[in-house]
């Protein structure tokens, strides 16, 4: 398979990756000389949705596990399309009806309290001090308008009871494609 063009967008790379994997079970290689954000190193979440906006998969990494965002997108696009435990793997028949979003995460920073959170700006990570439970919620999630809603949702996602002692961090994202 040919390499993706060096100037491909992050969500274009996610789309190309999922299509190659669903169609031929091929894992594409990253662009030879990725440009812009794809050349950086960061955590990345890939979201796959139907054209109707229904979530079809979302998987990512808080801390980078690859050398470049391009490699991170490829790895997480395949996982979002095939390994999200909430959904069946994306099938070849669905490909023409899918949209892709890529969130490139900033480095997480500690939060002092609720005044440091804003669901329209910051994603949030909560983790128990023993490290057994951890949850992440991206910013700008439809239906989450307040810090209280964000706090409840991230605790629920992590399986952490409200009031438990947790470590809290926030981050921003640079979003590409559909969210």
Protein backbone atom coordinates (compact mmCIF):
# COMPACT_ATOMS: atom_id res chain seq x y z
CA UNK A 1 0.00 0.00 0.00
CA UNK A 2 1.23 3.50 -0.79
CA UNK A 3 2.10 5.83 2.06
CA UNK A 4 -0.45 8.51 2.92
CA UNK A 5 0.49 11.98 1.65
CA UNK A 6 2.69 14.03 3.99
CA UNK A 7 0.05 16.78 4.18
CA UNK A 8 -2.91 14.55 5.16
CA UNK A 9 -5.12 15.84 7.98
CA UNK A 10 -5.36 13.90 11.25
CA UNK A 11 -9.02 12.96 10.61
CA UNK A 12 -8.17 12.09 6.98
CA UNK A 13 -5.49 9.73 8.28
CA UNK A 14 -7.99 8.16 10.69
CA UNK A 15 -10.45 7.60 7.81
CA UNK A 16 -7.79 6.10 5.54
CA UNK A 17 -6.61 3.85 8.38
CA UNK A 18 -10.06 2.49 9.25
CA UNK A 19 -10.96 1.93 5.59
CA UNK A 20 -7.72 0.02 4.86
CA UNK A 21 -8.12 -2.08 7.97
CA UNK A 22 -11.84 -2.85 7.50
CA UNK A 23 -11.44 -3.55 3.78
CA UNK A 24 -8.12 -5.42 3.61
CA UNK A 25 -6.99 -5.95 7.23
CA UNK A 26 -3.98 -3.81 6.38
CA UNK A 27 -2.36 -1.47 8.89
CA UNK A 28 -1.17 1.50 6.88
CA UNK A 29 2.18 3.13 7.50
CA UNK A 30 2.35 6.76 8.60
CA UNK A 31 3.33 9.46 6.11
CA UNK A 32 7.05 9.38 5.32
CA UNK A 33 7.49 12.96 6.51
CA UNK A 34 4.44 13.94 8.55
CA UNK A 35 3.78 17.66 8.74
CA UNK A 36 2.28 19.95 11.34
CA UNK A 37 0.59 18.31 14.30
CA UNK A 38 1.13 14.82 12.84
CA UNK A 39 4.88 15.22 13.38
CA UNK A 40 4.44 16.03 17.10
CA UNK A 41 4.24 13.62 20.01
CA UNK A 42 1.02 13.69 22.09
CA UNK A 43 -1.90 11.66 23.37
CA UNK A 44 -4.67 11.23 20.80
CA UNK A 45 -8.32 10.17 20.86
CA UNK A 46 -10.05 9.02 17.68
CA UNK A 47 -13.84 9.15 17.50
CA UNK A 48 -15.85 7.33 14.84
CA UNK A 49 -19.48 8.35 14.29
CA UNK A 50 -22.22 7.53 11.83
CA UNK A 51 -23.37 10.39 9.59
CA UNK A 52 -26.38 10.61 11.92
CA UNK A 53 -24.00 11.46 14.75
CA UNK A 54 -24.29 8.14 16.60
CA UNK A 55 -21.08 7.15 18.38
CA UNK A 56 -19.53 4.11 16.72
CA UNK A 57 -16.25 4.00 18.64
CA UNK A 58 -13.88 6.18 20.63
CA UNK A 59 -10.48 5.11 21.92
CA UNK A 60 -7.36 7.01 22.73
CA UNK A 61 -4.25 7.54 24.74
CA UNK A 62 -3.67 10.15 27.42
CA UNK A 63 0.08 9.83 27.22
CA UNK A 64 1.66 9.15 23.83
CA UNK A 65 2.70 5.57 23.18
CA UNK A 66 4.12 6.25 19.71
CA UNK A 67 6.83 8.52 18.30
CA UNK A 68 4.44 10.79 16.37
CA UNK A 69 0.81 11.86 16.39
CA UNK A 70 0.52 10.21 12.96
CA UNK A 71 1.43 6.82 14.44
CA UNK A 72 -0.85 7.47 17.42
CA UNK A 73 -3.77 8.25 15.06
CA UNK A 74 -3.23 5.00 13.14
CA UNK A 75 -3.10 2.90 16.29
CA UNK A 76 -6.12 4.56 17.92
CA UNK A 77 -8.22 4.67 14.74
CA UNK A 78 -7.99 0.89 14.43
CA UNK A 79 -8.80 0.50 18.13
CA UNK A 80 -11.77 2.89 17.95
CA UNK A 81 -13.19 1.02 14.96
CA UNK A 82 -12.54 -2.52 16.20
CA UNK A 83 -11.83 -2.64 19.95
CA UNK A 84 -14.26 -0.29 21.67
CA UNK A 85 -16.02 -2.75 24.02
CA UNK A 86 -19.31 -0.86 23.70
CA UNK A 87 -19.71 -1.69 19.99
CA UNK A 88 -19.28 -4.39 17.39
CA UNK A 89 -16.29 -3.78 15.09
CA UNK A 90 -16.94 -1.47 12.14
CA UNK A 91 -17.80 -3.48 9.05
CA UNK A 92 -16.83 -2.85 5.44
CA UNK A 93 -20.48 -2.05 4.63
CA UNK A 94 -20.51 0.85 7.10
CA UNK A 95 -17.45 2.68 5.76
CA UNK A 96 -19.27 5.10 3.44
CA UNK A 97 -21.46 6.30 6.31
CA UNK A 98 -18.79 7.14 8.87
CA UNK A 99 -17.25 10.40 10.06
CA UNK A 100 -13.99 10.77 11.95
CA UNK A 101 -12.77 13.08 14.67
CA UNK A 102 -9.30 13.32 16.14
CA UNK A 103 -8.50 15.08 19.41
CA UNK A 104 -4.84 15.80 20.11
CA UNK A 105 -4.39 16.26 23.84
CA UNK A 106 -2.27 18.79 25.67
CA UNK A 107 -0.18 17.53 28.56
CA UNK A 108 -2.51 17.04 31.56
CA UNK A 109 -2.07 19.43 34.48
CA UNK A 110 -3.22 19.10 38.11
CA UNK A 111 -6.48 20.71 39.15
CA UNK A 112 -6.82 22.60 42.45
CA UNK A 113 -10.60 22.47 42.52
CA UNK A 114 -13.85 22.84 40.55
CA UNK A 115 -12.97 26.45 39.72
CA UNK A 116 -10.23 25.04 37.45
CA UNK A 117 -12.72 23.06 35.33
CA UNK A 118 -14.88 24.14 32.40
CA UNK A 119 -16.41 21.38 30.23
CA UNK A 120 -16.44 23.68 27.21
CA UNK A 121 -12.68 24.19 27.43
CA UNK A 122 -11.08 21.38 29.43
CA UNK A 123 -11.26 17.63 29.42
CA UNK A 124 -10.90 15.99 32.82
CA UNK A 125 -9.13 12.91 34.15
CA UNK A 126 -9.94 11.36 37.54
CA UNK A 127 -7.96 8.53 39.08
CA UNK A 128 -8.08 6.80 42.44
CA UNK A 129 -4.87 7.11 44.42
CA UNK A 130 -4.32 3.35 44.18
CA UNK A 131 -4.45 3.64 40.37
CA UNK A 132 -7.14 0.96 40.04
CA UNK A 133 -9.78 3.26 38.52
CA UNK A 134 -9.23 6.02 36.00
CA UNK A 135 -11.59 7.86 33.70
CA UNK A 136 -11.28 10.57 31.08
CA UNK A 137 -13.89 12.82 29.56
CA UNK A 138 -13.06 14.94 26.52
CA UNK A 139 -14.15 18.59 26.47
CA UNK A 140 -17.17 19.87 24.52
CA UNK A 141 -19.26 16.71 24.92
CA UNK A 142 -22.85 17.25 23.74
CA UNK A 143 -25.17 17.22 26.74
CA UNK A 144 -22.51 18.12 29.29
CA UNK A 145 -22.92 21.81 30.00
CA UNK A 146 -21.75 22.26 33.59
CA UNK A 147 -18.81 21.30 35.79
CA UNK A 148 -21.24 19.23 37.90
CA UNK A 149 -22.40 17.22 34.87
CA UNK A 150 -18.79 16.70 33.76
CA UNK A 151 -17.81 15.60 37.29
CA UNK A 152 -20.68 13.09 37.52
CA UNK A 153 -19.99 11.71 34.03
CA UNK A 154 -16.25 11.19 34.50
CA UNK A 155 -16.76 9.49 37.86
CA UNK A 156 -19.40 7.20 36.36
CA UNK A 157 -17.16 6.38 33.41
CA UNK A 158 -14.27 5.54 35.77
CA UNK A 159 -16.44 3.48 38.11
CA UNK A 160 -15.49 5.76 41.01
CA UNK A 161 -18.10 6.68 43.62
CA UNK A 162 -18.69 10.37 44.20
CA UNK A 163 -16.83 11.59 47.26
CA UNK A 164 -13.95 9.13 46.86
CA UNK A 165 -10.45 10.59 47.09
CA UNK A 166 -9.15 11.09 43.56
CA UNK A 167 -6.35 12.75 41.68
CA UNK A 168 -7.76 15.23 39.15
CA UNK A 169 -6.13 16.61 36.03
CA UNK A 170 -7.37 18.72 33.15
CA UNK A 171 -6.26 19.10 29.55
CA UNK A 172 -7.21 20.87 26.36
CA UNK A 173 -7.55 19.40 22.89
CA UNK A 174 -6.95 20.46 19.36
CA UNK A 175 -9.88 18.95 17.46
CA UNK A 176 -9.80 17.85 13.82
CA UNK A 177 -12.82 16.65 11.84
CA UNK A 178 -16.13 15.75 13.48
CA UNK A 179 -16.40 15.74 17.25
